[in-house]
C-alpha atoms as a PDB file:
ATOM      1  CA  UNK A   1       0.233   0.153  -0.062  1.00  0.00           C
ATOM      2  CA  UNK A   2       0.930   3.192  -0.611  1.00  0.00           C
ATOM      3  CA  UNK A   3       1.361   5.536   2.103  1.00  0.00           C
ATOM      4  CA  UNK A   4      -1.267   8.165   1.728  1.00  0.00           C
ATOM      5  CA  UNK A   5      -3.391   4.570   1.809  1.00  0.00           C
ATOM      6  CA  UNK A   6      -7.212   5.145   3.576  1.00  0.00           C
ATOM      7  CA  UNK A   7      -6.776   3.421   6.726  1.00  0.00           C
ATOM      8  CA  UNK A   8      -9.575   2.101   9.417  1.00  0.00           C
ATOM      9  CA  UNK A   9      -8.357   0.944  12.761  1.00  0.00           C
ATOM     10  CA  UNK A  10     -11.824   0.855  14.246  1.00  0.00           C
ATOM     11  CA  UNK A  11     -13.101   0.159  17.869  1.00  0.00           C
ATOM     12  CA  UNK A  12      -9.348   1.332  19.347  1.00  0.00           C
ATOM     13  CA  UNK A  13      -9.209   3.841  21.895  1.00  0.00           C
ATOM     14  CA  UNK A  14      -5.709   3.382  22.484  1.00  0.00           C
ATOM     15  CA  UNK A  15      -3.739   4.379  19.352  1.00  0.00           C
ATOM     16  CA  UNK A  16      -1.318   1.308  19.252  1.00  0.00           C
ATOM     17  CA  UNK A  17      -1.662   0.373  15.971  1.00  0.00           C
ATOM     18  CA  UNK A  18      -2.980   3.629  14.777  1.00  0.00           C
ATOM     19  CA  UNK A  19       0.450   4.656  15.944  1.00  0.00           C
ATOM     20  CA  UNK A  20       2.250   1.941  14.603  1.00  0.00           C
ATOM     21  CA  UNK A  21       1.098   2.472  10.918  1.00  0.00           C
ATOM     22  CA  UNK A  22       1.889   5.974  11.564  1.00  0.00           C
ATOM     23  CA  UNK A  23       5.182   5.213  13.228  1.00  0.00           C
ATOM     24  CA  UNK A  24       5.835   3.935   9.700  1.00  0.00           C
ATOM     25  CA  UNK A  25       4.971   7.296   7.565  1.00  0.00           C
ATOM     26  CA  UNK A  26       1.177   6.405   6.551  1.00  0.00           C
ATOM     27  CA  UNK A  27      -0.865   9.802   6.164  1.00  0.00           C
ATOM     28  CA  UNK A  28      -4.003   8.609   6.054  1.00  0.00           C
ATOM     29  CA  UNK A  29      -4.452   6.314   9.092  1.00  0.00           C
ATOM     30  CA  UNK A  30      -7.490   7.109  11.406  1.00  0.00           C
ATOM     31  CA  UNK A  31      -8.897   5.544  14.751  1.00  0.00           C
ATOM     32  CA  UNK A  32     -12.492   5.333  15.731  1.00  0.00           C
ATOM     33  CA  UNK A  33     -13.928   4.262  18.985  1.00  0.00           C
ATOM     34  CA  UNK A  34     -16.789   5.527  21.438  1.00  0.00           C
ATOM     35  CA  UNK A  35     -14.303   6.838  23.827  1.00  0.00           C
ATOM     36  CA  UNK A  36     -11.751   9.561  23.451  1.00  0.00           C
ATOM     37  CA  UNK A  37      -7.942   8.622  22.523  1.00  0.00           C
ATOM     38  CA  UNK A  38      -5.975   7.530  24.613  1.00  0.00           C
ATOM     39  CA  UNK A  39      -2.451   7.475  22.248  1.00  0.00           C
ATOM     40  CA  UNK A  40       0.049   9.397  21.061  1.00  0.00           C
ATOM     41  CA  UNK A  41      -2.159  10.878  17.652  1.00  0.00           C
ATOM     42  CA  UNK A  42      -5.606  12.236  19.003  1.00  0.00           C
ATOM     43  CA  UNK A  43      -5.473  14.512  16.133  1.00  0.00           C
ATOM     44  CA  UNK A  44      -6.408  11.352  14.213  1.00  0.00           C
ATOM     45  CA  UNK A  45      -8.817  10.142  15.996  1.00  0.00           C
ATOM     46  CA  UNK A  46     -12.528   9.919  15.325  1.00  0.00           C
ATOM     47  CA  UNK A  47     -14.822   9.228  18.439  1.00  0.00           C
ATOM     48  CA  UNK A  48     -18.259   8.559  16.654  1.00  0.00           C
ATOM     49  CA  UNK A  49     -20.173   5.431  16.024  1.00  0.00           C
ATOM     50  CA  UNK A  50     -17.493   3.594  13.406  1.00  0.00           C
ATOM     51  CA  UNK A  51     -20.912   2.577  11.177  1.00  0.00           C
ATOM     52  CA  UNK A  52     -21.417   5.120   9.250  1.00  0.00           C
ATOM     53  CA  UNK A  53     -17.209   5.081   8.246  1.00  0.00           C
ATOM     54  CA  UNK A  54     -17.750   1.480   6.774  1.00  0.00           C
ATOM     55  CA  UNK A  55     -19.530   3.195   4.098  1.00  0.00           C
ATOM     56  CA  UNK A  56     -16.485   5.483   2.859  1.00  0.00           C
ATOM     57  CA  UNK A  57     -14.003   3.455   0.838  1.00  0.00           C
ATOM     58  CA  UNK A  58     -11.067   2.000   2.548  1.00  0.00           C
ATOM     59  CA  UNK A  59      -7.626   0.843   1.508  1.00  0.00           C
ATOM     60  CA  UNK A  60      -7.914  -1.030   5.153  1.00  0.00           C
ATOM     61  CA  UNK A  61     -10.051  -1.856   7.723  1.00  0.00           C
ATOM     62  CA  UNK A  62      -8.332  -3.028  11.327  1.00  0.00           C
ATOM     63  CA  UNK A  63     -11.011  -3.792  13.682  1.00  0.00           C
ATOM     64  CA  UNK A  64     -11.676  -4.438  17.225  1.00  0.00           C
ATOM     65  CA  UNK A  65     -15.679  -5.119  18.274  1.00  0.00           C
ATOM     66  CA  UNK A  66     -16.590  -5.354  21.867  1.00  0.00           C
ATOM     67  CA  UNK A  67     -16.141  -8.986  22.632  1.00  0.00           C
ATOM     68  CA  UNK A  68     -17.598  -8.580  25.872  1.00  0.00           C
ATOM     69  CA  UNK A  69     -20.662 -10.658  26.010  1.00  0.00           C
ATOM     70  CA  UNK A  70     -19.025 -12.725  23.418  1.00  0.00           C
ATOM     71  CA  UNK A  71     -15.989 -14.065  24.776  1.00  0.00           C
ATOM     72  CA  UNK A  72     -15.579 -17.453  25.906  1.00  0.00           C
ATOM     73  CA  UNK A  73     -14.402 -16.370  29.197  1.00  0.00           C
ATOM     74  CA  UNK A  74     -18.391 -15.034  29.956  1.00  0.00           C
ATOM     75  CA  UNK A  75     -19.229 -18.455  29.723  1.00  0.00           C
ATOM     76  CA  UNK A  76     -19.631 -18.412  32.950  1.00  0.00           C
ATOM     77  CA  UNK A  77     -22.548 -15.256  32.677  1.00  0.00           C
ATOM     78  CA  UNK A  78     -23.933 -16.764  29.692  1.00  0.00           C
ATOM     79  CA  UNK A  79     -24.342 -20.377  31.894  1.00  0.00           C
ATOM     80  CA  UNK A  80     -25.456 -18.922  35.002  1.00  0.00           C
ATOM     81  CA  UNK A  81     -26.588 -22.628  36.071  1.00  0.00           C
ATOM     82  CA  UNK A  82     -25.969 -25.389  34.357  1.00  0.00           C
ATOM     83  CA  UNK A  83     -27.815 -26.125  31.007  1.00  0.00           C
ATOM     84  CA  UNK A  84     -29.661 -23.096  31.231  1.00  0.00           C
ATOM     85  CA  UNK A  85     -28.745 -19.363  29.396  1.00  0.00           C
ATOM     86  CA  UNK A  86     -28.939 -16.285  30.904  1.00  0.00           C
ATOM     87  CA  UNK A  87     -30.816 -14.630  28.033  1.00  0.00           C
ATOM     88  CA  UNK A  88     -30.383 -11.256  28.411  1.00  0.00           C
ATOM     89  CA  UNK A  89     -26.510 -11.873  28.137  1.00  0.00           C
ATOM     90  CA  UNK A  90     -27.598 -13.826  24.979  1.00  0.00           C
ATOM     91  CA  UNK A  91     -29.431 -11.684  23.376  1.00  0.00           C
ATOM     92  CA  UNK A  92     -26.512  -8.657  24.025  1.00  0.00           C
ATOM     93  CA  UNK A  93     -24.096 -11.522  22.038  1.00  0.00           C
ATOM     94  CA  UNK A  94     -26.323 -11.684  19.461  1.00  0.00           C
ATOM     95  CA  UNK A  95     -26.188  -8.221  18.952  1.00  0.00           C
ATOM     96  CA  UNK A  96     -23.073  -8.298  19.683  1.00  0.00           C
ATOM     97  CA  UNK A  97     -22.340 -10.620  16.725  1.00  0.00           C
ATOM     98  CA  UNK A  98     -23.985  -8.527  14.522  1.00  0.00           C
ATOM     99  CA  UNK A  99     -21.827  -5.535  15.277  1.00  0.00           C
ATOM    100  CA  UNK A 100     -19.151  -8.021  13.950  1.00  0.00           C
ATOM    101  CA  UNK A 101     -20.260  -9.516  11.327  1.00  0.00           C
ATOM    102  CA  UNK A 102     -20.710  -5.062  10.037  1.00  0.00           C
ATOM    103  CA  UNK A 103     -16.670  -5.901   9.520  1.00  0.00           C
ATOM    104  CA  UNK A 104     -16.642  -9.268   8.226  1.00  0.00           C
ATOM    105  CA  UNK A 105     -19.447  -8.017   5.206  1.00  0.00           C
ATOM    106  CA  UNK A 106     -17.591  -4.528   4.609  1.00  0.00           C
ATOM    107  CA  UNK A 107     -16.771  -3.612   0.870  1.00  0.00           C
ATOM    108  CA  UNK A 108     -13.558  -3.221   1.485  1.00  0.00           C
ATOM    109  CA  UNK A 109     -10.542  -5.195  -0.277  1.00  0.00           C
ATOM    110  CA  UNK A 110      -8.262  -6.113   2.720  1.00  0.00           C
ATOM    111  CA  UNK A 111     -10.257  -6.436   6.185  1.00  0.00           C
ATOM    112  CA  UNK A 112      -8.734  -8.199   9.694  1.00  0.00           C
ATOM    113  CA  UNK A 113     -10.860  -8.255  12.918  1.00  0.00           C
ATOM    114  CA  UNK A 114      -9.565  -9.208  16.330  1.00  0.00           C
ATOM    115  CA  UNK A 115     -11.242 -10.833  18.857  1.00  0.00           C
ATOM    116  CA  UNK A 116     -11.264 -13.614  21.455  1.00  0.00           C
ATOM    117  CA  UNK A 117     -12.616 -16.955  21.513  1.00  0.00           C
ATOM    118  CA  UNK A 118     -16.192 -16.780  21.362  1.00  0.00           C
ATOM    119  CA  UNK A 119     -18.466 -18.668  23.313  1.00  0.00           C
ATOM    120  CA  UNK A 120     -19.881 -21.883  20.846  1.00  0.00           C
ATOM    121  CA  UNK A 121     -23.547 -20.685  21.344  1.00  0.00           C
ATOM    122  CA  UNK A 122     -23.065 -17.478  18.844  1.00  0.00           C
ATOM    123  CA  UNK A 123     -21.754 -19.912  16.046  1.00  0.00           C
ATOM    124  CA  UNK A 124     -18.944 -17.344  14.650  1.00  0.00           C
ATOM    125  CA  UNK A 125     -17.323 -17.648  11.447  1.00  0.00           C
ATOM    126  CA  UNK A 126     -14.221 -19.597  11.158  1.00  0.00           C
ATOM    127  CA  UNK A 127     -11.124 -17.800  12.526  1.00  0.00           C
ATOM    128  CA  UNK A 128      -8.732 -17.852  10.482  1.00  0.00           C
ATOM    129  CA  UNK A 129      -5.834 -17.391  12.543  1.00  0.00           C
ATOM    130  CA  UNK A 130      -4.894 -17.205  16.611  1.00  0.00           C
ATOM    131  CA  UNK A 131      -2.144 -15.444  17.632  1.00  0.00           C
ATOM    132  CA  UNK A 132      -0.486 -15.364  21.398  1.00  0.00           C
ATOM    133  CA  UNK A 133       1.947 -12.417  22.732  1.00  0.00           C
ATOM    134  CA  UNK A 134       4.811 -14.363  23.554  1.00  0.00           C
ATOM    135  CA  UNK A 135       5.297 -14.298  19.996  1.00  0.00           C
ATOM    136  CA  UNK A 136       5.781 -10.797  19.416  1.00  0.00           C
ATOM    137  CA  UNK A 137       7.907 -10.709  21.993  1.00  0.00           C
ATOM    138  CA  UNK A 138       5.716 -10.305  25.203  1.00  0.00           C
ATOM    139  CA  UNK A 139       5.834 -12.778  27.563  1.00  0.00           C
ATOM    140  CA  UNK A 140       2.393 -13.399  28.009  1.00  0.00           C
ATOM    141  CA  UNK A 141      -0.978 -15.743  27.363  1.00  0.00           C
ATOM    142  CA  UNK A 142      -3.941 -15.005  26.009  1.00  0.00           C
ATOM    143  CA  UNK A 143      -4.679 -16.103  22.767  1.00  0.00           C
ATOM    144  CA  UNK A 144      -6.522 -13.961  19.883  1.00  0.00           C
ATOM    145  CA  UNK A 145      -7.980 -14.459  16.911  1.00  0.00           C
ATOM    146  CA  UNK A 146      -7.979 -12.497  13.962  1.00  0.00           C
ATOM    147  CA  UNK A 147     -10.362 -12.562  10.751  1.00  0.00           C
ATOM    148  CA  UNK A 148      -8.650 -11.667   7.489  1.00  0.00           C
ATOM    149  CA  UNK A 149      -9.620 -11.221   4.471  1.00  0.00           C
ATOM    150  CA  UNK A 150      -7.387 -10.303   1.856  1.00  0.00           C
ATOM    151  CA  UNK A 151      -4.507 -10.159   4.124  1.00  0.00           C
ATOM    152  CA  UNK A 152      -1.480 -13.014   5.096  1.00  0.00           C
ATOM    153  CA  UNK A 153      -1.363 -14.600   8.438  1.00  0.00           C
ATOM    154  CA  UNK A 154       0.906 -12.835  10.462  1.00  0.00           C
ATOM    155  CA  UNK A 155       4.599 -13.512  11.165  1.00  0.00           C
ATOM    156  CA  UNK A 156       5.249 -14.049  14.604  1.00  0.00           C
ATOM    157  CA  UNK A 157       8.345 -11.773  15.106  1.00  0.00           C
ATOM    158  CA  UNK A 158      10.110 -12.345  18.315  1.00  0.00           C
ATOM    159  CA  UNK A 159       9.347 -15.846  20.376  1.00  0.00           C
ATOM    160  CA  UNK A 160       9.756 -15.354  23.800  1.00  0.00           C
ATOM    161  CA  UNK A 161       9.379 -17.593  26.995  1.00  0.00           C
ATOM    162  CA  UNK A 162       6.053 -17.655  29.108  1.00  0.00           C
ATOM    163  CA  UNK A 163       6.062 -16.295  32.027  1.00  0.00           C
ATOM    164  CA  UNK A 164       1.898 -16.889  32.860  1.00  0.00           C
ATOM    165  CA  UNK A 165      -0.797 -15.278  31.631  1.00  0.00           C
ATOM    166  CA  UNK A 166      -2.213 -11.180  31.205  1.00  0.00           C
ATOM    167  CA  UNK A 167      -5.524 -11.723  32.659  1.00  0.00           C
ATOM    168  CA  UNK A 168      -5.703 -13.098  35.763  1.00  0.00           C
ATOM    169  CA  UNK A 169      -9.209 -14.780  35.792  1.00  0.00           C
ATOM    170  CA  UNK A 170     -10.717 -17.582  34.585  1.00  0.00           C
ATOM    171  CA  UNK A 171      -9.487 -20.470  36.328  1.00  0.00           C
ATOM    172  CA  UNK A 172     -10.374 -22.767  39.191  1.00  0.00           C
ATOM    173  CA  UNK A 173      -6.551 -23.849  40.301  1.00  0.00           C
ATOM    174  CA  UNK A 174      -6.238 -24.752  43.483  1.00  0.00           C
ATOM    175  CA  UNK A 175      -2.397 -23.142  43.749  1.00  0.00           C
ATOM    176  CA  UNK A 176      -3.102 -19.741  41.844  1.00  0.00           C
ATOM    177  CA  UNK A 177       1.119 -18.296  42.553  1.00  0.00           C
ATOM    178  CA  UNK A 178       1.377 -19.262  38.658  1.00  0.00           C
ATOM    179  CA  UNK A 179      -1.631 -17.616  37.542  1.00  0.00           C
ATOM    180  CA  UNK A 180      -1.906 -14.047  36.545  1.00  0.00           C
ATOM    181  CA  UNK A 181       1.828 -12.819  36.096  1.00  0.00           C
ATOM    182  CA  UNK A 182       3.297  -9.635  37.501  1.00  0.00           C
ATOM    183  CA  UNK A 183       2.229  -7.155  34.844  1.00  0.00           C
ATOM    184  CA  UNK A 184      -1.068  -8.920  34.163  1.00  0.00           C
ATOM    185  CA  UNK A 185      -4.651  -6.830  32.704  1.00  0.00           C
ATOM    186  CA  UNK A 186      -6.559  -6.535  35.759  1.00  0.00           C
ATOM    187  CA  UNK A 187      -8.457  -3.748  34.524  1.00  0.00           C
ATOM    188  CA  UNK A 188     -10.439  -3.883  31.276  1.00  0.00           C
ATOM    189  CA  UNK A 189      -8.962  -1.438  29.393  1.00  0.00           C
ATOM    190  CA  UNK A 190      -5.311  -1.935  29.997  1.00  0.00           C
ATOM    191  CA  UNK A 191      -6.796  -6.098  29.252  1.00  0.00           C
ATOM    192  CA  UNK A 192      -8.135  -4.819  25.673  1.00  0.00           C
ATOM    193  CA  UNK A 193      -5.245  -2.828  24.857  1.00  0.00           C
ATOM    194  CA  UNK A 194      -2.872  -4.442  21.639  1.00  0.00           C
ATOM    195  CA  UNK A 195       0.368  -5.170  22.255  1.00  0.00           C
ATOM    196  CA  UNK A 196       2.736  -3.313  21.647  1.00  0.00           C
ATOM    197  CA  UNK A 197       4.208  -6.138  19.531  1.00  0.00           C
ATOM    198  CA  UNK A 198       1.369  -7.747  17.357  1.00  0.00           C
ATOM    199  CA  UNK A 199       0.527  -3.398  16.530  1.00  0.00           C
ATOM    200  CA  UNK A 200       3.631  -3.047  14.972  1.00  0.00           C
ATOM    201  CA  UNK A 201       3.815  -6.333  12.953  1.00  0.00           C
ATOM    202  CA  UNK A 202       0.543  -5.492  12.033  1.00  0.00           C
ATOM    203  CA  UNK A 203       1.252  -2.362  10.470  1.00  0.00           C
ATOM    204  CA  UNK A 204       4.636  -3.495   8.993  1.00  0.00           C
ATOM    205  CA  UNK A 205       3.921  -6.496   7.613  1.00  0.00           C
ATOM    206  CA  UNK A 206       0.019  -5.546   6.586  1.00  0.00           C
ATOM    207  CA  UNK A 207       1.620  -2.575   5.094  1.00  0.00           C
ATOM    208  CA  UNK A 208       2.956  -4.290   2.084  1.00  0.00           C
ATOM    209  CA  UNK A 209       0.159  -5.675   0.842  1.00  0.00           C
END
């Protein structure tokens, strides 16, 4: 892609991926989220509903749609009692899937969507690739799925030893001393931020398509 290619980083307030493209010299890259930008380039952030922007022409869309009601990590809330589904949470999950599919079906030659492993009840499209932070220089586990159209799978850039999971939750292990590494994320905002190594890999590799 040329440096003036139109790039949309959807549902990103952190600016991690946006900043990575700007660092490579891209001049027409924009992040969009309902929240204000906490990254280095708030002037390249659109604080609004992203869906109207999907009607515009983009050369690349990278989307991080909300996963709260889709993620398998929330299965205990989706099924509060064995065999019974929470209808309110299920409905919110279906709304989240519909939002996800807006990106999946967008009219754009290059699309990447990032989300964690989802609950099977939502019957999400088959992902293209699964990645982990430790494949890109960060010593944590946090399985992430990518749905790619017109883009190659990410090549691992710096595989390092694992010190523990990034998100200290979702375990019934009796020995919790090894679960929840030092420096891991306890709040939703840092948990959702794209790791710098992954953001750099996305910008460096996908900008060459």
